[in-house]
Amino acid sequence: MAEIAVQSPSTISWVIYKRYNNFDRLHKQLAKTTKLPTLPPKRFLQLMDPEFVKTRMSQLQEYMNLLLKLPDLVKNPVLIEFLKVPDSVK
């Protein structure tokens, strides 16, 4: 499970916990309407390798950072739900 740090433009921050499959599902939903950065690839054999887990979390954090730089996605309801955006930030 990946721990992803999220920060709003108003400097409110929170952490979400998601599995790779959650990111994959999000990517597929958003890709229907928007050109997206590449999602880190899925690998089955290295899941228990601590270095792989650390690298994957870093890649998923970077992926999320890139998504949040896309102006069309910032207010996308699918992304807002995925990020569990607090009402005070919406």
PDB file of N, CA and C in Angstrom:
ATOM      1  N   MET A   1       0.850  -1.169   0.000  1.00  0.00           N
ATOM      2  CA  MET A   1       0.000   0.000   0.000  1.00  0.00           C
ATOM      3  C   MET A   1       0.895   1.230   0.000  1.00  0.00           C
ATOM      4  N   ALA A   2       0.564   2.175  -0.848  1.00  0.00           N
ATOM      5  CA  ALA A   2       1.353   3.401  -0.962  1.00  0.00           C
ATOM      6  C   ALA A   2       0.797   4.488  -0.058  1.00  0.00           C
ATOM      7  N   GLU A   3       1.689   5.215   0.555  1.00  0.00           N
ATOM      8  CA  GLU A   3       1.335   6.378   1.362  1.00  0.00           C
ATOM      9  C   GLU A   3       1.672   7.602   0.520  1.00  0.00           C
ATOM     10  N   ILE A   4       0.633   8.393   0.183  1.00  0.00           N
ATOM     11  CA  ILE A   4       0.819   9.534  -0.698  1.00  0.00           C
ATOM     12  C   ILE A   4       0.469  10.814   0.049  1.00  0.00           C
ATOM     13  N   ALA A   5       1.386  11.758   0.040  1.00  0.00           N
ATOM     14  CA  ALA A   5       1.155  13.057   0.662  1.00  0.00           C
ATOM     15  C   ALA A   5       0.476  13.975  -0.353  1.00  0.00           C
ATOM     16  N   VAL A   6      -0.566  14.670   0.112  1.00  0.00           N
ATOM     17  CA  VAL A   6      -1.316  15.588  -0.754  1.00  0.00           C
ATOM     18  C   VAL A   6      -1.312  16.952  -0.081  1.00  0.00           C
ATOM     19  N   GLN A   7      -1.131  17.999  -0.882  1.00  0.00           N
ATOM     20  CA  GLN A   7      -1.181  19.349  -0.325  1.00  0.00           C
ATOM     21  C   GLN A   7      -1.985  20.233  -1.248  1.00  0.00           C
ATOM     22  N   SER A   8      -2.915  20.975  -0.666  1.00  0.00           N
ATOM     23  CA  SER A   8      -3.745  21.893  -1.444  1.00  0.00           C
ATOM     24  C   SER A   8      -2.978  23.189  -1.687  1.00  0.00           C
ATOM     25  N   PRO A   9      -3.457  23.993  -2.645  1.00  0.00           N
ATOM     26  CA  PRO A   9      -2.807  25.295  -2.870  1.00  0.00           C
ATOM     27  C   PRO A   9      -2.832  26.180  -1.623  1.00  0.00           C
ATOM     28  N   SER A  10      -3.799  25.959  -0.745  1.00  0.00           N
ATOM     29  CA  SER A  10      -3.891  26.766   0.477  1.00  0.00           C
ATOM     30  C   SER A  10      -3.059  26.169   1.612  1.00  0.00           C
ATOM     31  N   THR A  11      -2.159  25.277   1.284  1.00  0.00           N
ATOM     32  CA  THR A  11      -1.206  24.633   2.198  1.00  0.00           C
ATOM     33  C   THR A  11      -1.819  23.685   3.223  1.00  0.00           C
ATOM     34  N   ILE A  12      -3.043  23.271   3.019  1.00  0.00           N
ATOM     35  CA  ILE A  12      -3.611  22.203   3.850  1.00  0.00           C
ATOM     36  C   ILE A  12      -3.064  20.898   3.297  1.00  0.00           C
ATOM     37  N   SER A  13      -2.577  20.031   4.183  1.00  0.00           N
ATOM     38  CA  SER A  13      -2.017  18.768   3.701  1.00  0.00           C
ATOM     39  C   SER A  13      -2.644  17.591   4.434  1.00  0.00           C
ATOM     40  N   TRP A  14      -2.628  16.441   3.756  1.00  0.00           N
ATOM     41  CA  TRP A  14      -3.147  15.201   4.318  1.00  0.00           C
ATOM     42  C   TRP A  14      -2.470  14.043   3.606  1.00  0.00           C
ATOM     43  N   VAL A  15      -2.680  12.852   4.114  1.00  0.00           N
ATOM     44  CA  VAL A  15      -2.062  11.651   3.558  1.00  0.00           C
ATOM     45  C   VAL A  15      -3.166  10.678   3.174  1.00  0.00           C
ATOM     46  N   ILE A  16      -2.995  10.029   2.023  1.00  0.00           N
ATOM     47  CA  ILE A  16      -3.919   8.971   1.609  1.00  0.00           C
ATOM     48  C   ILE A  16      -3.132   7.675   1.484  1.00  0.00           C
ATOM     49  N   TYR A  17      -3.822   6.574   1.637  1.00  0.00           N
ATOM     50  CA  TYR A  17      -3.210   5.249   1.508  1.00  0.00           C
ATOM     51  C   TYR A  17      -3.973   4.496   0.430  1.00  0.00           C
ATOM     52  N   LYS A  18      -3.264   4.120  -0.631  1.00  0.00           N
ATOM     53  CA  LYS A  18      -3.890   3.444  -1.771  1.00  0.00           C
ATOM     54  C   LYS A  18      -3.016   2.294  -2.241  1.00  0.00           C
ATOM     55  N   ARG A  19      -3.666   1.304  -2.811  1.00  0.00           N
ATOM     56  CA  ARG A  19      -2.966   0.190  -3.449  1.00  0.00           C
ATOM     57  C   ARG A  19      -2.704   0.543  -4.914  1.00  0.00           C
ATOM     58  N   TYR A  20      -1.762  -0.164  -5.507  1.00  0.00           N
ATOM     59  CA  TYR A  20      -1.448   0.094  -6.915  1.00  0.00           C
ATOM     60  C   TYR A  20      -2.697  -0.042  -7.779  1.00  0.00           C
ATOM     61  N   ASN A  21      -3.531  -1.033  -7.483  1.00  0.00           N
ATOM     62  CA  ASN A  21      -4.751  -1.231  -8.278  1.00  0.00           C
ATOM     63  C   ASN A  21      -5.656  -0.004  -8.244  1.00  0.00           C
ATOM     64  N   ASN A  22      -5.674   0.737  -7.135  1.00  0.00           N
ATOM     65  CA  ASN A  22      -6.456   1.966  -7.054  1.00  0.00           C
ATOM     66  C   ASN A  22      -5.910   3.005  -8.035  1.00  0.00           C
ATOM     67  N   PHE A  23      -4.589   3.116  -8.107  1.00  0.00           N
ATOM     68  CA  PHE A  23      -3.977   4.048  -9.048  1.00  0.00           C
ATOM     69  C   PHE A  23      -4.258   3.625 -10.491  1.00  0.00           C
ATOM     70  N   ASP A  24      -4.193   2.341 -10.740  1.00  0.00           N
ATOM     71  CA  ASP A  24      -4.457   1.822 -12.080  1.00  0.00           C
ATOM     72  C   ASP A  24      -5.888   2.144 -12.504  1.00  0.00           C
ATOM     73  N   ARG A  25      -6.827   1.930 -11.611  1.00  0.00           N
ATOM     74  CA  ARG A  25      -8.237   2.225 -11.909  1.00  0.00           C
ATOM     75  C   ARG A  25      -8.436   3.727 -12.148  1.00  0.00           C
ATOM     76  N   LEU A  26      -7.833   4.552 -11.309  1.00  0.00           N
ATOM     77  CA  LEU A  26      -7.917   6.002 -11.483  1.00  0.00           C
ATOM     78  C   LEU A  26      -7.350   6.401 -12.839  1.00  0.00           C
ATOM     79  N   HIS A  27      -6.181   5.868 -13.157  1.00  0.00           N
ATOM     80  CA  HIS A  27      -5.530   6.191 -14.426  1.00  0.00           C
ATOM     81  C   HIS A  27      -6.442   5.855 -15.611  1.00  0.00           C
ATOM     82  N   LYS A  28      -7.035   4.684 -15.588  1.00  0.00           N
ATOM     83  CA  LYS A  28      -7.912   4.268 -16.687  1.00  0.00           C
ATOM     84  C   LYS A  28      -9.132   5.173 -16.804  1.00  0.00           C
ATOM     85  N   GLN A  29      -9.700   5.577 -15.677  1.00  0.00           N
ATOM     86  CA  GLN A  29     -10.876   6.458 -15.708  1.00  0.00           C
ATOM     87  C   GLN A  29     -10.509   7.833 -16.264  1.00  0.00           C
ATOM     88  N   LEU A  30      -9.417   8.398 -15.788  1.00  0.00           N
ATOM     89  CA  LEU A  30      -9.029   9.739 -16.219  1.00  0.00           C
ATOM     90  C   LEU A  30      -8.521   9.757 -17.656  1.00  0.00           C
ATOM     91  N   ALA A  31      -7.903   8.673 -18.087  1.00  0.00           N
ATOM     92  CA  ALA A  31      -7.337   8.606 -19.440  1.00  0.00           C
ATOM     93  C   ALA A  31      -8.420   8.620 -20.519  1.00  0.00           C
ATOM     94  N   LYS A  32      -9.651   8.366 -20.139  1.00  0.00           N
ATOM     95  CA  LYS A  32     -10.753   8.412 -21.112  1.00  0.00           C
ATOM     96  C   LYS A  32     -10.967   9.820 -21.640  1.00  0.00           C
ATOM     97  N   THR A  33     -10.610  10.824 -20.851  1.00  0.00           N
ATOM     98  CA  THR A  33     -10.890  12.204 -21.243  1.00  0.00           C
ATOM     99  C   THR A  33      -9.664  13.118 -21.254  1.00  0.00           C
ATOM    100  N   THR A  34      -8.539  12.657 -20.721  1.00  0.00           N
ATOM    101  CA  THR A  34      -7.370  13.523 -20.571  1.00  0.00           C
ATOM    102  C   THR A  34      -6.094  12.758 -20.885  1.00  0.00           C
ATOM    103  N   LYS A  35      -5.143  13.437 -21.521  1.00  0.00           N
ATOM    104  CA  LYS A  35      -3.825  12.833 -21.732  1.00  0.00           C
ATOM    105  C   LYS A  35      -3.075  12.903 -20.409  1.00  0.00           C
ATOM    106  N   LEU A  36      -2.585  11.750 -19.973  1.00  0.00           N
ATOM    107  CA  LEU A  36      -1.978  11.634 -18.657  1.00  0.00           C
ATOM    108  C   LEU A  36      -0.510  11.255 -18.725  1.00  0.00           C
ATOM    109  N   PRO A  37       0.233  11.551 -17.653  1.00  0.00           N
ATOM    110  CA  PRO A  37       1.594  11.007 -17.572  1.00  0.00           C
ATOM    111  C   PRO A  37       1.520   9.483 -17.444  1.00  0.00           C
ATOM    112  N   THR A  38       2.611   8.833 -17.668  1.00  0.00           N
ATOM    113  CA  THR A  38       2.648   7.377 -17.608  1.00  0.00           C
ATOM    114  C   THR A  38       2.595   6.898 -16.156  1.00  0.00           C
ATOM    115  N   LEU A  39       1.709   5.941 -15.921  1.00  0.00           N
ATOM    116  CA  LEU A  39       1.629   5.309 -14.610  1.00  0.00           C
ATOM    117  C   LEU A  39       2.801   4.343 -14.477  1.00  0.00           C
ATOM    118  N   PRO A  40       3.488   4.319 -13.335  1.00  0.00           N
ATOM    119  CA  PRO A  40       4.572   3.342 -13.170  1.00  0.00           C
ATOM    120  C   PRO A  40       4.066   1.935 -13.470  1.00  0.00           C
ATOM    121  N   PRO A  41       4.892   1.105 -14.086  1.00  0.00           N
ATOM    122  CA  PRO A  41       4.443  -0.235 -14.464  1.00  0.00           C
ATOM    123  C   PRO A  41       4.190  -1.135 -13.257  1.00  0.00           C
ATOM    124  N   LYS A  42       3.330  -2.116 -13.478  1.00  0.00           N
ATOM    125  CA  LYS A  42       3.027  -3.088 -12.437  1.00  0.00           C
ATOM    126  C   LYS A  42       4.030  -4.236 -12.534  1.00  0.00           C
ATOM    127  N   ARG A  43       4.504  -4.684 -11.386  1.00  0.00           N
ATOM    128  CA  ARG A  43       5.429  -5.824 -11.339  1.00  0.00           C
ATOM    129  C   ARG A  43       4.964  -6.762 -10.246  1.00  0.00           C
ATOM    130  N   PHE A  44       4.916  -8.021 -10.545  1.00  0.00           N
ATOM    131  CA  PHE A  44       4.416  -9.001  -9.583  1.00  0.00           C
ATOM    132  C   PHE A  44       5.512  -9.630  -8.739  1.00  0.00           C
ATOM    133  N   LEU A  45       6.657  -9.888  -9.302  1.00  0.00           N
ATOM    134  CA  LEU A  45       7.678 -10.692  -8.639  1.00  0.00           C
ATOM    135  C   LEU A  45       8.440  -9.950  -7.546  1.00  0.00           C
ATOM    136  N   GLN A  46       8.423  -8.631  -7.577  1.00  0.00           N
ATOM    137  CA  GLN A  46       9.252  -7.878  -6.648  1.00  0.00           C
ATOM    138  C   GLN A  46       8.454  -7.249  -5.503  1.00  0.00           C
ATOM    139  N   LEU A  47       7.218  -7.635  -5.330  1.00  0.00           N
ATOM    140  CA  LEU A  47       6.346  -6.958  -4.365  1.00  0.00           C
ATOM    141  C   LEU A  47       6.872  -6.954  -2.937  1.00  0.00           C
ATOM    142  N   MET A  48       7.604  -7.950  -2.541  1.00  0.00           N
ATOM    143  CA  MET A  48       8.071  -8.015  -1.166  1.00  0.00           C
ATOM    144  C   MET A  48       9.476  -7.428  -0.980  1.00  0.00           C
ATOM    145  N   ASP A  49      10.115  -7.038  -2.032  1.00  0.00           N
ATOM    146  CA  ASP A  49      11.440  -6.445  -1.952  1.00  0.00           C
ATOM    147  C   ASP A  49      11.314  -5.016  -1.399  1.00  0.00           C
ATOM    148  N   PRO A  50      11.887  -4.744  -0.226  1.00  0.00           N
ATOM    149  CA  PRO A  50      11.744  -3.416   0.394  1.00  0.00           C
ATOM    150  C   PRO A  50      12.212  -2.266  -0.503  1.00  0.00           C
ATOM    151  N   GLU A  51      13.261  -2.490  -1.267  1.00  0.00           N
ATOM    152  CA  GLU A  51      13.752  -1.440  -2.164  1.00  0.00           C
ATOM    153  C   GLU A  51      12.736  -1.167  -3.275  1.00  0.00           C
ATOM    154  N   PHE A  52      12.125  -2.226  -3.790  1.00  0.00           N
ATOM    155  CA  PHE A  52      11.096  -2.063  -4.814  1.00  0.00           C
ATOM    156  C   PHE A  52       9.917  -1.271  -4.254  1.00  0.00           C
ATOM    157  N   VAL A  53       9.493  -1.608  -3.046  1.00  0.00           N
ATOM    158  CA  VAL A  53       8.349  -0.933  -2.419  1.00  0.00           C
ATOM    159  C   VAL A  53       8.660   0.554  -2.252  1.00  0.00           C
ATOM    160  N   LYS A  54       9.855   0.859  -1.795  1.00  0.00           N
ATOM    161  CA  LYS A  54      10.267   2.257  -1.611  1.00  0.00           C
ATOM    162  C   LYS A  54      10.274   3.009  -2.941  1.00  0.00           C
ATOM    163  N   THR A  55      10.819   2.372  -3.961  1.00  0.00           N
ATOM    164  CA  THR A  55      10.873   2.984  -5.290  1.00  0.00           C
ATOM    165  C   THR A  55       9.468   3.182  -5.850  1.00  0.00           C
ATOM    166  N   ARG A  56       8.623   2.176  -5.706  1.00  0.00           N
ATOM    167  CA  ARG A  56       7.246   2.274  -6.212  1.00  0.00           C
ATOM    168  C   ARG A  56       6.489   3.410  -5.533  1.00  0.00           C
ATOM    169  N   MET A  57       6.638   3.560  -4.220  1.00  0.00           N
ATOM    170  CA  MET A  57       5.949   4.645  -3.516  1.00  0.00           C
ATOM    171  C   MET A  57       6.427   5.999  -4.035  1.00  0.00           C
ATOM    172  N   SER A  58       7.700   6.113  -4.268  1.00  0.00           N
ATOM    173  CA  SER A  58       8.254   7.353  -4.808  1.00  0.00           C
ATOM    174  C   SER A  58       7.697   7.628  -6.208  1.00  0.00           C
ATOM    175  N   GLN A  59       7.614   6.592  -7.037  1.00  0.00           N
ATOM    176  CA  GLN A  59       7.081   6.746  -8.390  1.00  0.00           C
ATOM    177  C   GLN A  59       5.606   7.140  -8.368  1.00  0.00           C
ATOM    178  N   LEU A  60       4.853   6.542  -7.467  1.00  0.00           N
ATOM    179  CA  LEU A  60       3.423   6.871  -7.378  1.00  0.00           C
ATOM    180  C   LEU A  60       3.223   8.294  -6.845  1.00  0.00           C
ATOM    181  N   GLN A  61       4.076   8.713  -5.933  1.00  0.00           N
ATOM    182  CA  GLN A  61       4.006  10.097  -5.445  1.00  0.00           C
ATOM    183  C   GLN A  61       4.293  11.064  -6.590  1.00  0.00           C
ATOM    184  N   GLU A  62       5.309  10.775  -7.373  1.00  0.00           N
ATOM    185  CA  GLU A  62       5.640  11.624  -8.515  1.00  0.00           C
ATOM    186  C   GLU A  62       4.510  11.634  -9.545  1.00  0.00           C
ATOM    187  N   TYR A  63       3.928  10.481  -9.800  1.00  0.00           N
ATOM    188  CA  TYR A  63       2.788  10.384 -10.721  1.00  0.00           C
ATOM    189  C   TYR A  63       1.658  11.303 -10.234  1.00  0.00           C
ATOM    190  N   MET A  64       1.340  11.227  -8.945  1.00  0.00           N
ATOM    191  CA  MET A  64       0.275  12.047  -8.398  1.00  0.00           C
ATOM    192  C   MET A  64       0.631  13.530  -8.503  1.00  0.00           C
ATOM    193  N   ASN A  65       1.873  13.878  -8.235  1.00  0.00           N
ATOM    194  CA  ASN A  65       2.305  15.273  -8.364  1.00  0.00           C
ATOM    195  C   ASN A  65       2.110  15.773  -9.794  1.00  0.00           C
ATOM    196  N   LEU A  66       2.420  14.929 -10.770  1.00  0.00           N
ATOM    197  CA  LEU A  66       2.230  15.309 -12.173  1.00  0.00           C
ATOM    198  C   LEU A  66       0.749  15.475 -12.507  1.00  0.00           C
ATOM    199  N   LEU A  67      -0.086  14.581 -11.993  1.00  0.00           N
ATOM    200  CA  LEU A  67      -1.525  14.705 -12.234  1.00  0.00           C
ATOM    201  C   LEU A  67      -2.051  16.035 -11.707  1.00  0.00           C
ATOM    202  N   LEU A  68      -1.602  16.405 -10.532  1.00  0.00           N
ATOM    203  CA  LEU A  68      -2.113  17.618  -9.892  1.00  0.00           C
ATOM    204  C   LEU A  68      -1.612  18.897 -10.554  1.00  0.00           C
ATOM    205  N   LYS A  69      -0.666  18.773 -11.464  1.00  0.00           N
ATOM    206  CA  LYS A  69      -0.203  19.927 -12.225  1.00  0.00           C
ATOM    207  C   LYS A  69      -1.031  20.144 -13.495  1.00  0.00           C
ATOM    208  N   LEU A  70      -1.907  19.188 -13.810  1.00  0.00           N
ATOM    209  CA  LEU A  70      -2.748  19.303 -15.008  1.00  0.00           C
ATOM    210  C   LEU A  70      -4.006  20.100 -14.657  1.00  0.00           C
ATOM    211  N   PRO A  71      -4.157  21.309 -15.222  1.00  0.00           N
ATOM    212  CA  PRO A  71      -5.275  22.175 -14.839  1.00  0.00           C
ATOM    213  C   PRO A  71      -6.646  21.526 -15.035  1.00  0.00           C
ATOM    214  N   ASP A  72      -6.807  20.716 -16.063  1.00  0.00           N
ATOM    215  CA  ASP A  72      -8.101  20.078 -16.325  1.00  0.00           C
ATOM    216  C   ASP A  72      -8.492  19.070 -15.250  1.00  0.00           C
ATOM    217  N   LEU A  73      -7.526  18.572 -14.493  1.00  0.00           N
ATOM    218  CA  LEU A  73      -7.816  17.522 -13.520  1.00  0.00           C
ATOM    219  C   LEU A  73      -8.048  18.025 -12.103  1.00  0.00           C
ATOM    220  N   VAL A  74      -7.617  19.212 -11.804  1.00  0.00           N
ATOM    221  CA  VAL A  74      -7.663  19.695 -10.428  1.00  0.00           C
ATOM    222  C   VAL A  74      -9.069  19.630  -9.835  1.00  0.00           C
ATOM    223  N   LYS A  75     -10.081  19.880 -10.637  1.00  0.00           N
ATOM    224  CA  LYS A  75     -11.455  19.852 -10.129  1.00  0.00           C
ATOM    225  C   LYS A  75     -12.238  18.630 -10.608  1.00  0.00           C
ATOM    226  N   ASN A  76     -11.541  17.657 -11.148  1.00  0.00           N
ATOM    227  CA  ASN A  76     -12.205  16.448 -11.628  1.00  0.00           C
ATOM    228  C   ASN A  76     -12.767  15.662 -10.440  1.00  0.00           C
ATOM    229  N   PRO A  77     -14.088  15.357 -10.464  1.00  0.00           N
ATOM    230  CA  PRO A  77     -14.707  14.649  -9.336  1.00  0.00           C
ATOM    231  C   PRO A  77     -14.081  13.280  -9.039  1.00  0.00           C
ATOM    232  N   VAL A  78     -13.630  12.585 -10.049  1.00  0.00           N
ATOM    233  CA  VAL A  78     -13.005  11.273  -9.850  1.00  0.00           C
ATOM    234  C   VAL A  78     -11.705  11.437  -9.063  1.00  0.00           C
ATOM    235  N   LEU A  79     -10.912  12.423  -9.437  1.00  0.00           N
ATOM    236  CA  LEU A  79      -9.650  12.665  -8.741  1.00  0.00           C
ATOM    237  C   LEU A  79      -9.899  13.193  -7.324  1.00  0.00           C
ATOM    238  N   ILE A  80     -10.867  14.070  -7.179  1.00  0.00           N
ATOM    239  CA  ILE A  80     -11.196  14.606  -5.850  1.00  0.00           C
ATOM    240  C   ILE A  80     -11.606  13.482  -4.903  1.00  0.00           C
ATOM    241  N   GLU A  81     -12.399  12.553  -5.395  1.00  0.00           N
ATOM    242  CA  GLU A  81     -12.812  11.415  -4.560  1.00  0.00           C
ATOM    243  C   GLU A  81     -11.620  10.523  -4.231  1.00  0.00           C
ATOM    244  N   PHE A  82     -10.766  10.275  -5.217  1.00  0.00           N
ATOM    245  CA  PHE A  82      -9.582   9.433  -5.011  1.00  0.00           C
ATOM    246  C   PHE A  82      -8.696  10.020  -3.928  1.00  0.00           C
ATOM    247  N   LEU A  83      -8.534  11.333  -3.944  1.00  0.00           N
ATOM    248  CA  LEU A  83      -7.656  12.014  -3.000  1.00  0.00           C
ATOM    249  C   LEU A  83      -8.304  12.275  -1.648  1.00  0.00           C
ATOM    250  N   LYS A  84      -9.592  11.963  -1.538  1.00  0.00           N
ATOM    251  CA  LYS A  84     -10.304  12.213  -0.277  1.00  0.00           C
ATOM    252  C   LYS A  84     -10.128  13.666   0.169  1.00  0.00           C
ATOM    253  N   VAL A  85     -10.360  14.577  -0.800  1.00  0.00           N
ATOM    254  CA  VAL A  85     -10.163  15.999  -0.534  1.00  0.00           C
ATOM    255  C   VAL A  85     -11.131  16.474   0.543  1.00  0.00           C
ATOM    256  N   PRO A  86     -10.610  17.094   1.595  1.00  0.00           N
ATOM    257  CA  PRO A  86     -11.484  17.593   2.666  1.00  0.00           C
ATOM    258  C   PRO A  86     -12.433  18.677   2.155  1.00  0.00           C
ATOM    259  N   ASP A  87     -13.613  18.765   2.731  1.00  0.00           N
ATOM    260  CA  ASP A  87     -14.597  19.767   2.329  1.00  0.00           C
ATOM    261  C   ASP A  87     -14.026  21.177   2.416  1.00  0.00           C
ATOM    262  N   SER A  88     -13.184  21.414   3.393  1.00  0.00           N
ATOM    263  CA  SER A  88     -12.617  22.751   3.563  1.00  0.00           C
ATOM    264  C   SER A  88     -11.702  23.170   2.395  1.00  0.00           C
ATOM    265  N   VAL A  89     -11.276  22.197   1.605  1.00  0.00           N
ATOM    266  CA  VAL A  89     -10.394  22.478   0.468  1.00  0.00           C
ATOM    267  C   VAL A  89     -11.178  22.566  -0.838  1.00  0.00           C
ATOM    268  N   LYS A  90     -12.268  21.824  -0.916  1.00  0.00           N
ATOM    269  CA  LYS A  90     -13.062  21.813  -2.151  1.00  0.00           C
ATOM    270  C   LYS A  90     -13.546  23.194  -2.439  1.00  0.00           C
TER     271      LYS A  90
END
